[in-house]
PDB file of N, CA and C in Angstrom:
ATOM      1  N   MET A   1     -33.537 -63.887 -24.707  1.00  0.00           N
ATOM      2  CA  MET A   1     -33.563 -65.051 -23.932  1.00  0.00           C
ATOM      3  C   MET A   1     -34.342 -64.352 -23.072  1.00  0.00           C
ATOM      4  N   PHE A   2     -34.779 -63.668 -22.237  1.00  0.00           N
ATOM      5  CA  PHE A   2     -35.121 -63.300 -21.127  1.00  0.00           C
ATOM      6  C   PHE A   2     -36.279 -62.064 -21.654  1.00  0.00           C
ATOM      7  N   PRO A   3     -37.710 -62.685 -21.468  1.00  0.00           N
ATOM      8  CA  PRO A   3     -38.844 -61.941 -21.553  1.00  0.00           C
ATOM      9  C   PRO A   3     -38.841 -60.649 -20.755  1.00  0.00           C
ATOM     10  N   ALA A   4     -39.482 -59.528 -21.841  1.00  0.00           N
ATOM     11  CA  ALA A   4     -39.745 -58.182 -20.727  1.00  0.00           C
ATOM     12  C   ALA A   4     -40.789 -57.995 -20.418  1.00  0.00           C
ATOM     13  N   PRO A   5     -40.739 -57.052 -19.278  1.00  0.00           N
ATOM     14  CA  PRO A   5     -42.366 -57.075 -18.672  1.00  0.00           C
ATOM     15  C   PRO A   5     -43.739 -56.956 -19.520  1.00  0.00           C
ATOM     16  N   GLN A   6     -43.050 -56.000 -20.869  1.00  0.00           N
ATOM     17  CA  GLN A   6     -44.231 -55.608 -21.572  1.00  0.00           C
ATOM     18  C   GLN A   6     -44.501 -56.526 -22.842  1.00  0.00           C
ATOM     19  N   GLY A   7     -43.750 -57.771 -22.609  1.00  0.00           N
ATOM     20  CA  GLY A   7     -43.636 -58.369 -23.742  1.00  0.00           C
ATOM     21  C   GLY A   7     -42.216 -58.313 -24.891  1.00  0.00           C
ATOM     22  N   GLY A   8     -41.731 -59.231 -25.718  1.00  0.00           N
ATOM     23  CA  GLY A   8     -40.835 -59.291 -26.216  1.00  0.00           C
ATOM     24  C   GLY A   8     -39.352 -59.418 -25.458  1.00  0.00           C
ATOM     25  N   TYR A   9     -38.579 -59.240 -26.075  1.00  0.00           N
ATOM     26  CA  TYR A   9     -37.347 -59.302 -24.881  1.00  0.00           C
ATOM     27  C   TYR A   9     -36.560 -58.469 -24.444  1.00  0.00           C
ATOM     28  N   LEU A  10     -35.779 -58.530 -23.624  1.00  0.00           N
ATOM     29  CA  LEU A  10     -35.288 -57.443 -22.884  1.00  0.00           C
ATOM     30  C   LEU A  10     -33.874 -57.084 -23.525  1.00  0.00           C
ATOM     31  N   SER A  11     -33.507 -55.796 -23.645  1.00  0.00           N
ATOM     32  CA  SER A  11     -32.565 -55.067 -24.752  1.00  0.00           C
ATOM     33  C   SER A  11     -31.326 -55.509 -23.641  1.00  0.00           C
ATOM     34  N   LEU A  12     -30.187 -55.770 -24.455  1.00  0.00           N
ATOM     35  CA  LEU A  12     -28.883 -56.074 -23.771  1.00  0.00           C
ATOM     36  C   LEU A  12     -28.427 -54.846 -23.248  1.00  0.00           C
ATOM     37  N   ASP A  13     -28.479 -53.794 -24.045  1.00  0.00           N
ATOM     38  CA  ASP A  13     -27.731 -52.464 -23.595  1.00  0.00           C
ATOM     39  C   ASP A  13     -28.684 -52.248 -22.859  1.00  0.00           C
ATOM     40  N   ASN A  14     -30.123 -51.999 -22.568  1.00  0.00           N
ATOM     41  CA  ASN A  14     -30.942 -51.683 -21.444  1.00  0.00           C
ATOM     42  C   ASN A  14     -30.502 -52.119 -20.312  1.00  0.00           C
ATOM     43  N   TRP A  15     -30.546 -53.728 -19.942  1.00  0.00           N
ATOM     44  CA  TRP A  15     -29.781 -54.132 -18.988  1.00  0.00           C
ATOM     45  C   TRP A  15     -28.830 -54.267 -18.569  1.00  0.00           C
ATOM     46  N   ARG A  16     -27.948 -53.931 -19.247  1.00  0.00           N
ATOM     47  CA  ARG A  16     -26.467 -53.548 -18.826  1.00  0.00           C
ATOM     48  C   ARG A  16     -26.568 -52.136 -18.198  1.00  0.00           C
ATOM     49  N   THR A  17     -27.052 -51.473 -18.713  1.00  0.00           N
ATOM     50  CA  THR A  17     -26.781 -50.125 -18.369  1.00  0.00           C
ATOM     51  C   THR A  17     -27.712 -49.834 -17.116  1.00  0.00           C
ATOM     52  N   ARG A  18     -29.074 -50.501 -16.874  1.00  0.00           N
ATOM     53  CA  ARG A  18     -29.879 -50.210 -16.021  1.00  0.00           C
ATOM     54  C   ARG A  18     -29.589 -51.272 -14.644  1.00  0.00           C
ATOM     55  N   GLU A  19     -29.101 -52.315 -14.851  1.00  0.00           N
ATOM     56  CA  GLU A  19     -28.662 -53.502 -13.943  1.00  0.00           C
ATOM     57  C   GLU A  19     -27.720 -54.223 -13.739  1.00  0.00           C
ATOM     58  N   TRP A  20     -27.170 -54.432 -14.671  1.00  0.00           N
ATOM     59  CA  TRP A  20     -25.698 -55.174 -14.577  1.00  0.00           C
ATOM     60  C   TRP A  20     -24.593 -54.111 -13.890  1.00  0.00           C
ATOM     61  N   TYR A  21     -24.712 -52.734 -14.549  1.00  0.00           N
ATOM     62  CA  TYR A  21     -23.481 -51.868 -14.055  1.00  0.00           C
ATOM     63  C   TYR A  21     -23.944 -51.535 -12.766  1.00  0.00           C
ATOM     64  N   ASP A  22     -25.179 -51.676 -12.398  1.00  0.00           N
ATOM     65  CA  ASP A  22     -25.475 -50.982 -10.818  1.00  0.00           C
ATOM     66  C   ASP A  22     -24.721 -52.211  -9.994  1.00  0.00           C
ATOM     67  N   GLY A  23     -25.121 -53.280 -10.226  1.00  0.00           N
ATOM     68  CA  GLY A  23     -24.810 -54.532  -9.792  1.00  0.00           C
ATOM     69  C   GLY A  23     -22.988 -54.410  -9.557  1.00  0.00           C
ATOM     70  N   LEU A  24     -22.511 -54.016 -10.591  1.00  0.00           N
ATOM     71  CA  LEU A  24     -21.073 -54.254 -10.406  1.00  0.00           C
ATOM     72  C   LEU A  24     -20.473 -53.237  -9.427  1.00  0.00           C
ATOM     73  N   ASP A  25     -21.414 -51.837  -9.546  1.00  0.00           N
ATOM     74  CA  ASP A  25     -20.742 -50.817  -8.738  1.00  0.00           C
ATOM     75  C   ASP A  25     -21.051 -51.283  -7.211  1.00  0.00           C
ATOM     76  N   ALA A  26     -22.053 -51.885  -6.739  1.00  0.00           N
ATOM     77  CA  ALA A  26     -22.336 -51.978  -5.792  1.00  0.00           C
ATOM     78  C   ALA A  26     -21.325 -53.167  -4.985  1.00  0.00           C
ATOM     79  N   ALA A  27     -20.874 -53.766  -5.793  1.00  0.00           N
ATOM     80  CA  ALA A  27     -19.962 -55.306  -5.277  1.00  0.00           C
ATOM     81  C   ALA A  27     -18.421 -54.512  -5.649  1.00  0.00           C
ATOM     82  N   GLY A  28     -18.311 -53.397  -6.321  1.00  0.00           N
ATOM     83  CA  GLY A  28     -16.900 -52.800  -6.262  1.00  0.00           C
ATOM     84  C   GLY A  28     -15.964 -53.305  -7.010  1.00  0.00           C
ATOM     85  N   ILE A  29     -16.687 -54.022  -8.191  1.00  0.00           N
ATOM     86  CA  ILE A  29     -16.115 -54.434  -9.465  1.00  0.00           C
ATOM     87  C   ILE A  29     -16.396 -53.617 -10.496  1.00  0.00           C
ATOM     88  N   ASP A  30     -14.662 -53.583 -10.760  1.00  0.00           N
ATOM     89  CA  ASP A  30     -14.957 -52.501 -12.431  1.00  0.00           C
ATOM     90  C   ASP A  30     -15.660 -53.166 -13.396  1.00  0.00           C
ATOM     91  N   ARG A  31     -16.286 -52.067 -13.953  1.00  0.00           N
ATOM     92  CA  ARG A  31     -17.559 -52.419 -14.886  1.00  0.00           C
ATOM     93  C   ARG A  31     -16.786 -52.854 -16.670  1.00  0.00           C
ATOM     94  N   ARG A  32     -17.580 -53.687 -16.393  1.00  0.00           N
ATOM     95  CA  ARG A  32     -17.243 -54.949 -18.071  1.00  0.00           C
ATOM     96  C   ARG A  32     -18.395 -56.220 -18.215  1.00  0.00           C
ATOM     97  N   GLY A  33     -18.511 -56.029 -19.274  1.00  0.00           N
ATOM     98  CA  GLY A  33     -19.616 -57.178 -19.713  1.00  0.00           C
ATOM     99  C   GLY A  33     -19.794 -58.418 -19.033  1.00  0.00           C
ATOM    100  N   PRO A  34     -21.137 -58.863 -19.239  1.00  0.00           N
ATOM    101  CA  PRO A  34     -20.991 -60.229 -18.488  1.00  0.00           C
ATOM    102  C   PRO A  34     -20.305 -61.167 -18.984  1.00  0.00           C
ATOM    103  N   TYR A  35     -19.855 -61.369 -19.912  1.00  0.00           N
ATOM    104  CA  TYR A  35     -18.995 -62.080 -20.806  1.00  0.00           C
ATOM    105  C   TYR A  35     -17.649 -62.036 -20.359  1.00  0.00           C
ATOM    106  N   HIS A  36     -17.574 -61.176 -19.608  1.00  0.00           N
ATOM    107  CA  HIS A  36     -15.853 -60.673 -19.105  1.00  0.00           C
ATOM    108  C   HIS A  36     -15.721 -61.635 -17.736  1.00  0.00           C
ATOM    109  N   LEU A  37     -16.932 -62.089 -16.825  1.00  0.00           N
ATOM    110  CA  LEU A  37     -16.995 -62.493 -15.605  1.00  0.00           C
ATOM    111  C   LEU A  37     -16.939 -63.939 -15.868  1.00  0.00           C
ATOM    112  N   ARG A  38     -17.727 -64.166 -17.379  1.00  0.00           N
ATOM    113  CA  ARG A  38     -18.063 -65.581 -17.656  1.00  0.00           C
ATOM    114  C   ARG A  38     -16.370 -66.295 -17.434  1.00  0.00           C
ATOM    115  N   ARG A  39     -15.762 -65.279 -18.329  1.00  0.00           N
ATOM    116  CA  ARG A  39     -14.312 -66.133 -18.794  1.00  0.00           C
ATOM    117  C   ARG A  39     -13.662 -65.693 -17.441  1.00  0.00           C
ATOM    118  N   THR A  40     -13.488 -65.268 -16.621  1.00  0.00           N
ATOM    119  CA  THR A  40     -12.968 -65.083 -15.064  1.00  0.00           C
ATOM    120  C   THR A  40     -13.515 -66.650 -14.177  1.00  0.00           C
ATOM    121  N   PHE A  41     -14.536 -67.172 -14.641  1.00  0.00           N
ATOM    122  CA  PHE A  41     -15.045 -68.419 -13.932  1.00  0.00           C
ATOM    123  C   PHE A  41     -14.103 -69.231 -14.696  1.00  0.00           C
ATOM    124  N   ALA A  42     -14.358 -69.559 -15.781  1.00  0.00           N
ATOM    125  CA  ALA A  42     -14.173 -70.509 -16.364  1.00  0.00           C
ATOM    126  C   ALA A  42     -12.416 -70.708 -16.543  1.00  0.00           C
ATOM    127  N   SER A  43     -11.614 -69.575 -16.384  1.00  0.00           N
ATOM    128  CA  SER A  43     -10.252 -69.246 -16.034  1.00  0.00           C
ATOM    129  C   SER A  43     -10.053 -69.900 -14.926  1.00  0.00           C
ATOM    130  N   GLU A  44     -10.674 -69.424 -13.614  1.00  0.00           N
ATOM    131  CA  GLU A  44     -10.570 -69.685 -12.216  1.00  0.00           C
ATOM    132  C   GLU A  44     -11.099 -71.351 -11.973  1.00  0.00           C
ATOM    133  N   ALA A  45     -12.086 -71.808 -12.677  1.00  0.00           N
ATOM    134  CA  ALA A  45     -12.361 -72.998 -12.599  1.00  0.00           C
ATOM    135  C   ALA A  45     -11.256 -73.759 -12.739  1.00  0.00           C
ATOM    136  N   LEU A  46     -10.640 -73.839 -14.309  1.00  0.00           N
ATOM    137  CA  LEU A  46      -9.934 -74.461 -14.884  1.00  0.00           C
ATOM    138  C   LEU A  46      -8.323 -74.649 -14.162  1.00  0.00           C
ATOM    139  N   ALA A  47      -8.037 -73.217 -13.648  1.00  0.00           N
ATOM    140  CA  ALA A  47      -6.967 -73.210 -12.412  1.00  0.00           C
ATOM    141  C   ALA A  47      -6.952 -74.060 -11.171  1.00  0.00           C
ATOM    142  N   ALA A  48      -8.248 -74.191 -11.161  1.00  0.00           N
ATOM    143  CA  ALA A  48      -8.570 -74.776  -9.383  1.00  0.00           C
ATOM    144  C   ALA A  48      -8.652 -76.070  -9.677  1.00  0.00           C
ATOM    145  N   GLY A  49      -8.409 -76.788 -10.891  1.00  0.00           N
ATOM    146  CA  GLY A  49      -8.615 -78.096 -11.484  1.00  0.00           C
ATOM    147  C   GLY A  49      -9.863 -78.827 -11.963  1.00  0.00           C
ATOM    148  N   ILE A  50     -10.744 -77.880 -12.019  1.00  0.00           N
ATOM    149  CA  ILE A  50     -11.925 -78.566 -12.395  1.00  0.00           C
ATOM    150  C   ILE A  50     -11.652 -79.070 -13.939  1.00  0.00           C
ATOM    151  N   SER A  51     -11.850 -80.094 -14.275  1.00  0.00           N
ATOM    152  CA  SER A  51     -12.132 -80.429 -15.900  1.00  0.00           C
ATOM    153  C   SER A  51     -12.646 -79.735 -16.367  1.00  0.00           C
ATOM    154  N   ILE A  52     -12.454 -79.667 -17.741  1.00  0.00           N
ATOM    155  CA  ILE A  52     -13.088 -79.630 -18.722  1.00  0.00           C
ATOM    156  C   ILE A  52     -14.631 -79.981 -19.264  1.00  0.00           C
ATOM    157  N   PHE A  53     -14.780 -81.191 -18.689  1.00  0.00           N
ATOM    158  CA  PHE A  53     -15.900 -81.922 -18.901  1.00  0.00           C
ATOM    159  C   PHE A  53     -16.757 -81.361 -17.782  1.00  0.00           C
ATOM    160  N   GLU A  54     -16.157 -81.653 -16.753  1.00  0.00           N
ATOM    161  CA  GLU A  54     -17.257 -80.665 -15.696  1.00  0.00           C
ATOM    162  C   GLU A  54     -17.356 -79.321 -15.791  1.00  0.00           C
ATOM    163  N   LEU A  55     -16.162 -78.102 -16.223  1.00  0.00           N
ATOM    164  CA  LEU A  55     -16.756 -77.020 -16.454  1.00  0.00           C
ATOM    165  C   LEU A  55     -18.028 -77.124 -17.760  1.00  0.00           C
ATOM    166  N   SER A  56     -17.918 -77.643 -18.532  1.00  0.00           N
ATOM    167  CA  SER A  56     -18.667 -77.871 -19.837  1.00  0.00           C
ATOM    168  C   SER A  56     -20.136 -78.087 -18.935  1.00  0.00           C
ATOM    169  N   ARG A  57     -20.362 -78.688 -18.468  1.00  0.00           N
ATOM    170  CA  ARG A  57     -21.774 -79.372 -17.571  1.00  0.00           C
ATOM    171  C   ARG A  57     -22.225 -77.771 -16.417  1.00  0.00           C
ATOM    172  N   LEU A  58     -21.109 -77.217 -15.660  1.00  0.00           N
ATOM    173  CA  LEU A  58     -21.452 -75.921 -15.279  1.00  0.00           C
ATOM    174  C   LEU A  58     -22.125 -74.643 -15.977  1.00  0.00           C
ATOM    175  N   MET A  59     -21.521 -74.663 -17.190  1.00  0.00           N
ATOM    176  CA  MET A  59     -21.283 -73.489 -18.020  1.00  0.00           C
ATOM    177  C   MET A  59     -22.352 -73.553 -19.145  1.00  0.00           C
ATOM    178  N   GLY A  60     -23.074 -74.997 -19.329  1.00  0.00           N
ATOM    179  CA  GLY A  60     -24.046 -75.270 -20.223  1.00  0.00           C
ATOM    180  C   GLY A  60     -23.348 -75.220 -21.826  1.00  0.00           C
ATOM    181  N   ALA A  61     -22.195 -75.538 -21.989  1.00  0.00           N
ATOM    182  CA  ALA A  61     -21.798 -75.506 -23.208  1.00  0.00           C
ATOM    183  C   ALA A  61     -21.265 -76.919 -23.212  1.00  0.00           C
ATOM    184  N   SER A  62     -20.857 -77.346 -24.389  1.00  0.00           N
ATOM    185  CA  SER A  62     -20.095 -78.637 -25.091  1.00  0.00           C
ATOM    186  C   SER A  62     -18.294 -78.252 -24.513  1.00  0.00           C
ATOM    187  N   ALA A  63     -17.852 -80.103 -24.523  1.00  0.00           N
ATOM    188  CA  ALA A  63     -16.354 -79.777 -24.015  1.00  0.00           C
ATOM    189  C   ALA A  63     -15.415 -79.535 -25.085  1.00  0.00           C
ATOM    190  N   ARG A  64     -16.386 -79.361 -26.317  1.00  0.00           N
ATOM    191  CA  ARG A  64     -15.337 -78.858 -27.145  1.00  0.00           C
ATOM    192  C   ARG A  64     -15.340 -77.575 -27.309  1.00  0.00           C
ATOM    193  N   GLU A  65     -16.246 -76.920 -27.274  1.00  0.00           N
ATOM    194  CA  GLU A  65     -16.821 -75.161 -26.868  1.00  0.00           C
ATOM    195  C   GLU A  65     -15.805 -74.721 -25.899  1.00  0.00           C
ATOM    196  N   ILE A  66     -15.437 -75.526 -24.841  1.00  0.00           N
ATOM    197  CA  ILE A  66     -14.661 -75.177 -23.574  1.00  0.00           C
ATOM    198  C   ILE A  66     -13.549 -74.980 -23.852  1.00  0.00           C
ATOM    199  N   ASP A  67     -12.926 -75.984 -24.707  1.00  0.00           N
ATOM    200  CA  ASP A  67     -11.512 -76.361 -25.003  1.00  0.00           C
ATOM    201  C   ASP A  67     -11.063 -75.371 -25.963  1.00  0.00           C
ATOM    202  N   ARG A  68     -12.323 -75.419 -27.236  1.00  0.00           N
ATOM    203  CA  ARG A  68     -11.708 -74.234 -27.830  1.00  0.00           C
ATOM    204  C   ARG A  68     -11.595 -72.992 -27.436  1.00  0.00           C
ATOM    205  N   ALA A  69     -12.546 -72.461 -26.031  1.00  0.00           N
ATOM    206  CA  ALA A  69     -12.270 -70.999 -25.768  1.00  0.00           C
ATOM    207  C   ALA A  69     -11.477 -70.731 -25.078  1.00  0.00           C
ATOM    208  N   TYR A  70     -11.207 -72.041 -23.842  1.00  0.00           N
ATOM    209  CA  TYR A  70     -10.308 -71.721 -22.721  1.00  0.00           C
ATOM    210  C   TYR A  70      -9.440 -72.721 -22.919  1.00  0.00           C
ATOM    211  N   GLY A  71      -9.217 -73.591 -23.525  1.00  0.00           N
ATOM    212  CA  GLY A  71      -8.098 -74.702 -23.606  1.00  0.00           C
ATOM    213  C   GLY A  71      -7.153 -74.193 -23.342  1.00  0.00           C
ATOM    214  N   HIS A  72      -6.599 -73.480 -23.513  1.00  0.00           N
ATOM    215  CA  HIS A  72      -5.342 -72.888 -23.870  1.00  0.00           C
ATOM    216  C   HIS A  72      -4.779 -72.689 -22.337  1.00  0.00           C
ATOM    217  N   LEU A  73      -5.803 -72.311 -21.603  1.00  0.00           N
ATOM    218  CA  LEU A  73      -5.387 -72.225 -20.280  1.00  0.00           C
ATOM    219  C   LEU A  73      -4.948 -73.365 -19.257  1.00  0.00           C
ATOM    220  N   VAL A  74      -5.240 -74.932 -20.099  1.00  0.00           N
ATOM    221  CA  VAL A  74      -4.480 -75.843 -19.560  1.00  0.00           C
ATOM    222  C   VAL A  74      -3.753 -76.401 -19.956  1.00  0.00           C
ATOM    223  N   ARG A  75      -2.936 -75.882 -21.148  1.00  0.00           N
ATOM    224  CA  ARG A  75      -2.202 -76.528 -21.839  1.00  0.00           C
ATOM    225  C   ARG A  75      -0.970 -77.191 -20.999  1.00  0.00           C
ATOM    226  N   ASP A  76      -0.352 -76.254 -20.139  1.00  0.00           N
ATOM    227  CA  ASP A  76       0.453 -76.171 -19.411  1.00  0.00           C
ATOM    228  C   ASP A  76       0.306 -77.329 -18.200  1.00  0.00           C
ATOM    229  N   ALA A  77      -0.959 -77.784 -17.832  1.00  0.00           N
ATOM    230  CA  ALA A  77      -1.161 -78.722 -17.099  1.00  0.00           C
ATOM    231  C   ALA A  77      -0.660 -80.142 -16.701  1.00  0.00           C
ATOM    232  N   GLU A  78       0.146 -80.606 -18.008  1.00  0.00           N
ATOM    233  CA  GLU A  78       0.772 -81.982 -17.904  1.00  0.00           C
ATOM    234  C   GLU A  78       1.431 -82.371 -16.831  1.00  0.00           C
ATOM    235  N   ASP A  79       2.214 -81.317 -15.745  1.00  0.00           N
ATOM    236  CA  ASP A  79       2.427 -81.760 -14.838  1.00  0.00           C
ATOM    237  C   ASP A  79       1.688 -82.171 -13.454  1.00  0.00           C
ATOM    238  N   THR A  80       0.720 -81.455 -13.847  1.00  0.00           N
ATOM    239  CA  THR A  80      -0.695 -81.559 -12.986  1.00  0.00           C
ATOM    240  C   THR A  80      -1.355 -82.745 -12.874  1.00  0.00           C
ATOM    241  N   ILE A  81      -1.346 -83.177 -14.397  1.00  0.00           N
ATOM    242  CA  ILE A  81      -1.901 -84.625 -14.393  1.00  0.00           C
ATOM    243  C   ILE A  81      -0.984 -85.464 -13.922  1.00  0.00           C
ATOM    244  N   ARG A  82       0.085 -85.368 -14.371  1.00  0.00           N
ATOM    245  CA  ARG A  82       1.000 -86.333 -13.903  1.00  0.00           C
ATOM    246  C   ARG A  82       1.110 -86.674 -12.581  1.00  0.00           C
ATOM    247  N   ALA A  83       0.827 -85.593 -11.646  1.00  0.00           N
ATOM    248  CA  ALA A  83       1.309 -85.649 -10.291  1.00  0.00           C
ATOM    249  C   ALA A  83      -0.034 -86.404  -9.884  1.00  0.00           C
ATOM    250  N   ARG A  84      -1.416 -86.208 -10.624  1.00  0.00           N
ATOM    251  CA  ARG A  84      -2.483 -86.339  -9.897  1.00  0.00           C
ATOM    252  C   ARG A  84      -2.370 -88.163 -10.061  1.00  0.00           C
ATOM    253  N   LEU A  85      -1.897 -88.267 -11.499  1.00  0.00           N
ATOM    254  CA  LEU A  85      -1.900 -89.842 -11.914  1.00  0.00           C
ATOM    255  C   LEU A  85      -0.994 -90.677 -10.982  1.00  0.00           C
ATOM    256  N   ASP A  86       0.342 -90.047 -10.762  1.00  0.00           N
ATOM    257  CA  ASP A  86       1.341 -90.796  -9.605  1.00  0.00           C
ATOM    258  C   ASP A  86       0.684 -90.610  -8.221  1.00  0.00           C
ATOM    259  N   ALA A  87      -0.225 -89.644  -7.791  1.00  0.00           N
ATOM    260  CA  ALA A  87      -0.801 -89.677  -6.137  1.00  0.00           C
ATOM    261  C   ALA A  87      -1.835 -91.243  -6.563  1.00  0.00           C
ATOM    262  N   ARG A  88      -2.420 -91.076  -7.543  1.00  0.00           N
ATOM    263  CA  ARG A  88      -3.406 -92.422  -7.480  1.00  0.00           C
ATOM    264  C   ARG A  88      -2.853 -93.812  -7.731  1.00  0.00           C
ATOM    265  N   ALA A  89      -1.649 -93.769  -8.118  1.00  0.00           N
ATOM    266  CA  ALA A  89      -0.748 -95.074  -8.725  1.00  0.00           C
ATOM    267  C   ALA A  89      -0.125 -95.515  -7.146  1.00  0.00           C
ATOM    268  N   ASP A  90       0.021 -94.466  -5.933  1.00  0.00           N
ATOM    269  CA  ASP A  90       0.792 -94.725  -5.203  1.00  0.00           C
ATOM    270  C   ASP A  90      -0.308 -95.200  -3.978  1.00  0.00           C
ATOM    271  N   GLN A  91      -1.613 -95.101  -4.555  1.00  0.00           N
ATOM    272  CA  GLN A  91      -2.813 -95.498  -3.621  1.00  0.00           C
ATOM    273  C   GLN A  91      -2.903 -96.845  -4.248  1.00  0.00           C
ATOM    274  N   THR A  92      -3.029 -97.242  -5.530  1.00  0.00           N
ATOM    275  CA  THR A  92      -3.498 -98.386  -5.905  1.00  0.00           C
ATOM    276  C   THR A  92      -2.315 -99.283  -6.349  1.00  0.00           C
ATOM    277  N   GLY A  93      -1.451 -98.726  -6.550  1.00  0.00           N
ATOM    278  CA  GLY A  93       0.084 -99.697  -7.396  1.00  0.00           C
ATOM    279  C   GLY A  93       0.000 -99.865  -8.862  1.00  0.00           C
ATOM    280  N   VAL A  94      -0.771 -98.974  -9.148  1.00  0.00           N
ATOM    281  CA  VAL A  94      -1.176 -99.218 -10.781  1.00  0.00           C
ATOM    282  C   VAL A  94      -0.480 -97.811 -11.377  1.00  0.00           C
ATOM    283  N   TYR A  95       0.237 -98.018 -11.792  1.00  0.00           N
ATOM    284  CA  TYR A  95       1.012 -96.805 -12.509  1.00  0.00           C
ATOM    285  C   TYR A  95       1.292 -96.649 -14.144  1.00  0.00           C
ATOM    286  N   LEU A  96       0.244 -95.428 -14.274  1.00  0.00           N
ATOM    287  CA  LEU A  96      -0.081 -95.137 -15.606  1.00  0.00           C
ATOM    288  C   LEU A  96       0.594 -94.093 -16.475  1.00  0.00           C
ATOM    289  N   ALA A  97       1.691 -93.108 -15.681  1.00  0.00           N
ATOM    290  CA  ALA A  97       2.453 -92.166 -15.920  1.00  0.00           C
ATOM    291  C   ALA A  97       3.446 -92.318 -15.599  1.00  0.00           C
ATOM    292  N   SER A  98       4.707 -92.060 -16.615  1.00  0.00           N
ATOM    293  CA  SER A  98       5.909 -91.937 -16.036  1.00  0.00           C
ATOM    294  C   SER A  98       6.103 -91.339 -14.843  1.00  0.00           C
ATOM    295  N   GLY A  99       7.120 -91.651 -14.592  1.00  0.00           N
ATOM    296  CA  GLY A  99       7.844 -90.914 -13.251  1.00  0.00           C
ATOM    297  C   GLY A  99       7.368 -91.714 -11.985  1.00  0.00           C
ATOM    298  N   GLY A 100       6.733 -93.028 -12.130  1.00  0.00           N
ATOM    299  CA  GLY A 100       6.533 -93.360 -10.573  1.00  0.00           C
ATOM    300  C   GLY A 100       7.617 -94.407 -10.443  1.00  0.00           C
ATOM    301  N   SER A 101       7.102 -95.288  -9.541  1.00  0.00           N
ATOM    302  CA  SER A 101       8.055 -96.542  -8.994  1.00  0.00           C
ATOM    303  C   SER A 101       8.766 -96.939  -9.815  1.00  0.00           C
ATOM    304  N   GLY A 102       8.618 -97.004 -11.196  1.00  0.00           N
ATOM    305  CA  GLY A 102       9.298 -97.987 -12.043  1.00  0.00           C
ATOM    306  C   GLY A 102       8.622 -98.839 -12.410  1.00  0.00           C
ATOM    307  N   GLU A 103       7.519 -99.213 -11.827  1.00  0.00           N
ATOM    308  CA  GLU A 103       6.911-100.305 -12.520  1.00  0.00           C
ATOM    309  C   GLU A 103       6.220 -99.982 -13.923  1.00  0.00           C
ATOM    310  N   THR A 104       5.746-100.923 -14.455  1.00  0.00           N
ATOM    311  CA  THR A 104       5.380-101.060 -15.975  1.00  0.00           C
ATOM    312  C   THR A 104       3.923-100.687 -15.888  1.00  0.00           C
ATOM    313  N   ASP A 105       3.452 -99.906 -16.836  1.00  0.00           N
ATOM    314  CA  ASP A 105       2.049 -99.846 -17.121  1.00  0.00           C
ATOM    315  C   ASP A 105       1.436-100.931 -17.265  1.00  0.00           C
ATOM    316  N   THR A 106       0.045-100.631 -17.057  1.00  0.00           N
ATOM    317  CA  THR A 106      -0.370-102.003 -16.890  1.00  0.00           C
ATOM    318  C   THR A 106      -1.872-101.633 -18.062  1.00  0.00           C
TER     319      THR A 106
END
């Protein structure tokens, strides 16, 4: 993916040993592969309420790929979704989720 100074491409093992680990050490982060931090980013973004669609844009992957890899992290988010819909309904008077003011769905 990244061209080497002498042509060809960087060796992932060389890059990890020469650059990546030094950066992690300097940041005080335990040594791990770059994809571990990608997973951490995805997990934290989903926990913060970033949608799978938004995350797919940030990570350069399809929503299907994000759902397949990280979707299990948001499976228990139904309560959060209901709360957001109810909060929106309180603003607009349009109730889409159960548990609102008792008005019917529109």
